[in-house]
Amino acid sequence: MKKIKLHKGKKHSICSCEMSKSLPFCDNTHRTYNEKNQTNYKSVKIIAQDTVIIDINSSTWK
């Protein structure tokens, strides 16, 4: 599990493809993968209403 800080009013892109080198944040690695594999991965966009720290986890993160 990772703790991340989301800043009030800022758009945060969270990785959904598990390929990002900066997990849990998206680095747009999915774009090349999508083109090569005809997939449609996208990041999850979050805009926090307040600055908060959240716990985030994925069973596939190393």
C-alpha atoms as a PDB file:
ATOM      1  CA  MET A   1       0.000   0.000   0.000  1.00  0.00           C
ATOM      2  CA  LYS A   2       1.222   3.487  -0.795  1.00  0.00           C
ATOM      3  CA  LYS A   3       0.254   6.790   0.729  1.00  0.00           C
ATOM      4  CA  ILE A   4       0.013   9.676  -1.708  1.00  0.00           C
ATOM      5  CA  LYS A   5      -0.805  13.322  -1.248  1.00  0.00           C
ATOM      6  CA  LEU A   6      -3.436  14.849  -3.499  1.00  0.00           C
ATOM      7  CA  HIS A   7      -3.309  18.628  -3.647  1.00  0.00           C
ATOM      8  CA  LYS A   8      -6.461  20.712  -3.608  1.00  0.00           C
ATOM      9  CA  GLY A   9      -7.604  21.741  -7.097  1.00  0.00           C
ATOM     10  CA  LYS A  10      -4.820  19.891  -8.934  1.00  0.00           C
ATOM     11  CA  LYS A  11      -5.615  17.160 -11.471  1.00  0.00           C
ATOM     12  CA  HIS A  12      -3.875  13.897 -10.575  1.00  0.00           C
ATOM     13  CA  SER A  13      -3.569  11.038 -13.072  1.00  0.00           C
ATOM     14  CA  ILE A  14      -3.520   7.599 -11.462  1.00  0.00           C
ATOM     15  CA  CYS A  15      -2.230   4.656 -13.505  1.00  0.00           C
ATOM     16  CA  SER A  16      -4.714   1.947 -14.440  1.00  0.00           C
ATOM     17  CA  CYS A  17      -2.508  -0.122 -16.766  1.00  0.00           C
ATOM     18  CA  GLU A  18       0.209  -1.046 -14.228  1.00  0.00           C
ATOM     19  CA  MET A  19       2.986  -0.163 -16.718  1.00  0.00           C
ATOM     20  CA  SER A  20       3.928   3.289 -15.396  1.00  0.00           C
ATOM     21  CA  LYS A  21       7.464   3.769 -14.111  1.00  0.00           C
ATOM     22  CA  SER A  22       6.115   6.242 -11.540  1.00  0.00           C
ATOM     23  CA  LEU A  23       3.333   4.188  -9.921  1.00  0.00           C
ATOM     24  CA  PRO A  24       0.804   4.963  -8.678  1.00  0.00           C
ATOM     25  CA  PHE A  25       0.898   7.974 -10.980  1.00  0.00           C
ATOM     26  CA  CYS A  26       0.469   7.713 -14.744  1.00  0.00           C
ATOM     27  CA  ASP A  27       3.453   8.484 -16.995  1.00  0.00           C
ATOM     28  CA  ASN A  28       1.499   7.837 -20.246  1.00  0.00           C
ATOM     29  CA  THR A  29       3.265   4.529 -20.983  1.00  0.00           C
ATOM     30  CA  HIS A  30      -0.175   3.191 -21.910  1.00  0.00           C
ATOM     31  CA  ARG A  31      -0.288   5.325 -25.058  1.00  0.00           C
ATOM     32  CA  THR A  32       2.433   3.363 -26.869  1.00  0.00           C
ATOM     33  CA  TYR A  33       1.047   0.085 -25.537  1.00  0.00           C
ATOM     34  CA  ASN A  34      -2.454   0.997 -26.762  1.00  0.00           C
ATOM     35  CA  GLU A  35      -1.161   1.735 -30.279  1.00  0.00           C
ATOM     36  CA  LYS A  36       0.795  -1.522 -30.521  1.00  0.00           C
ATOM     37  CA  ASN A  37      -1.868  -3.760 -28.968  1.00  0.00           C
ATOM     38  CA  GLN A  38      -5.095  -2.036 -29.997  1.00  0.00           C
ATOM     39  CA  THR A  39      -6.114  -1.565 -26.372  1.00  0.00           C
ATOM     40  CA  ASN A  40      -7.689   1.415 -24.667  1.00  0.00           C
ATOM     41  CA  TYR A  41      -5.979   1.907 -21.300  1.00  0.00           C
ATOM     42  CA  LYS A  42      -6.494   5.334 -19.726  1.00  0.00           C
ATOM     43  CA  SER A  43      -5.458   6.928 -16.483  1.00  0.00           C
ATOM     44  CA  VAL A  44      -7.933   7.684 -13.729  1.00  0.00           C
ATOM     45  CA  LYS A  45      -8.236  11.441 -13.245  1.00  0.00           C
ATOM     46  CA  ILE A  46      -8.798  12.838  -9.754  1.00  0.00           C
ATOM     47  CA  ILE A  47      -9.216  16.479  -8.750  1.00  0.00           C
ATOM     48  CA  ALA A  48      -9.162  16.768  -4.975  1.00  0.00           C
ATOM     49  CA  GLN A  49     -11.518  19.246  -3.314  1.00  0.00           C
ATOM     50  CA  ASP A  50      -9.093  19.492  -0.383  1.00  0.00           C
ATOM     51  CA  THR A  51      -5.452  18.533   0.089  1.00  0.00           C
ATOM     52  CA  VAL A  52      -5.577  14.981   1.418  1.00  0.00           C
ATOM     53  CA  ILE A  53      -3.391  11.941   1.917  1.00  0.00           C
ATOM     54  CA  ILE A  54      -4.898   8.711   0.640  1.00  0.00           C
ATOM     55  CA  ASP A  55      -3.928   5.048   0.738  1.00  0.00           C
ATOM     56  CA  ILE A  56      -3.772   3.423  -2.673  1.00  0.00           C
ATOM     57  CA  ASN A  57      -2.980  -0.159  -3.550  1.00  0.00           C
ATOM     58  CA  SER A  58      -2.964  -2.664  -6.381  1.00  0.00           C
ATOM     59  CA  SER A  59      -2.465  -6.400  -6.187  1.00  0.00           C
ATOM     60  CA  THR A  60      -0.131  -6.256  -9.212  1.00  0.00           C
ATOM     61  CA  TRP A  61       2.307  -3.613  -7.924  1.00  0.00           C
ATOM     62  CA  LYS A  62       5.708  -4.926  -7.030  1.00  0.00           C
END
